[in-house]
């Protein structure tokens, strides 16, 4: 590749990098990223709620059989 080709490639990659950084830190994306950041925590909340509901159902079934 020629020196001009290397220079053009460097500029293209740099502009792409700046575009990605601006996209990632734009205020329009903040809500989406905040939701994505909470996904793991929300899954734990759902699992805990489901486990508690399953435990209550098991306790109710056990109490009605006696």
Protein backbone atom coordinates (compact mmCIF):
# COMPACT_ATOMS: atom_id res chain seq x y z
CA UNK A 1 0.00 0.00 0.00
CA UNK A 2 1.31 3.41 -0.79
CA UNK A 3 1.96 6.15 1.69
CA UNK A 4 -1.17 7.95 0.48
CA UNK A 5 -3.21 4.78 1.02
CA UNK A 6 -1.92 4.45 4.59
CA UNK A 7 -2.80 8.08 5.27
CA UNK A 8 -6.31 7.72 3.86
CA UNK A 9 -6.87 4.48 5.81
CA UNK A 10 -5.70 6.16 9.03
CA UNK A 11 -8.11 9.06 8.49
CA UNK A 12 -11.03 6.72 7.74
CA UNK A 13 -10.38 4.65 10.87
CA UNK A 14 -9.95 7.78 13.02
CA UNK A 15 -13.22 9.29 11.75
CA UNK A 16 -14.99 5.97 12.39
CA UNK A 17 -13.60 5.88 15.93
CA UNK A 18 -14.74 9.44 16.63
CA UNK A 19 -18.21 8.58 15.22
CA UNK A 20 -18.54 5.57 17.52
CA UNK A 21 -17.43 7.60 20.55
CA UNK A 22 -19.93 10.36 19.77
CA UNK A 23 -22.69 7.78 19.23
CA UNK A 24 -21.90 5.99 22.50
CA UNK A 25 -21.85 9.15 24.59
CA UNK A 26 -24.78 10.92 22.93
CA UNK A 27 -27.66 11.85 25.22
CA UNK A 28 -30.13 10.12 22.89
CA UNK A 29 -28.54 6.74 23.71
CA UNK A 30 -28.37 7.26 27.48
CA UNK A 31 -31.77 5.71 28.18
CA UNK A 32 -30.95 2.59 26.13
CA UNK A 33 -27.58 2.14 27.82
CA UNK A 34 -29.08 2.67 31.27
CA UNK A 35 -31.66 -0.03 30.55
CA UNK A 36 -28.95 -2.39 29.29
CA UNK A 37 -26.86 -1.74 32.40
CA UNK A 38 -29.79 -2.77 34.63
CA UNK A 39 -30.60 -6.01 32.76
CA UNK A 40 -28.55 -8.26 35.04
CA UNK A 41 -29.99 -6.64 38.15
CA UNK A 42 -33.54 -6.85 36.81
CA UNK A 43 -33.09 -10.56 36.08
CA UNK A 44 -32.07 -11.13 39.69
CA UNK A 45 -35.17 -9.27 40.88
CA UNK A 46 -37.39 -11.40 38.66
CA UNK A 47 -35.71 -14.62 39.81
CA UNK A 48 -36.07 -13.63 43.47
CA UNK A 49 -39.73 -12.77 42.99
CA UNK A 50 -40.34 -16.03 41.14
CA UNK A 51 -38.53 -18.02 43.82
CA UNK A 52 -40.57 -16.37 46.56
CA UNK A 53 -43.81 -17.04 44.69
CA UNK A 54 -42.81 -20.68 44.14
CA UNK A 55 -41.98 -21.00 47.84
CA UNK A 56 -45.37 -19.60 48.87
CA UNK A 57 -47.13 -21.94 46.46
CA UNK A 58 -45.21 -24.90 47.87
CA UNK A 59 -46.04 -23.84 51.43
CA UNK A 60 -49.71 -23.43 50.57
CA UNK A 61 -49.81 -26.86 48.94
CA UNK A 62 -48.09 -28.40 51.96
CA UNK A 63 -50.51 -26.71 54.39
CA UNK A 64 -53.61 -27.85 52.48
CA UNK A 65 -52.45 -31.49 52.41
CA UNK A 66 -52.24 -31.73 56.20
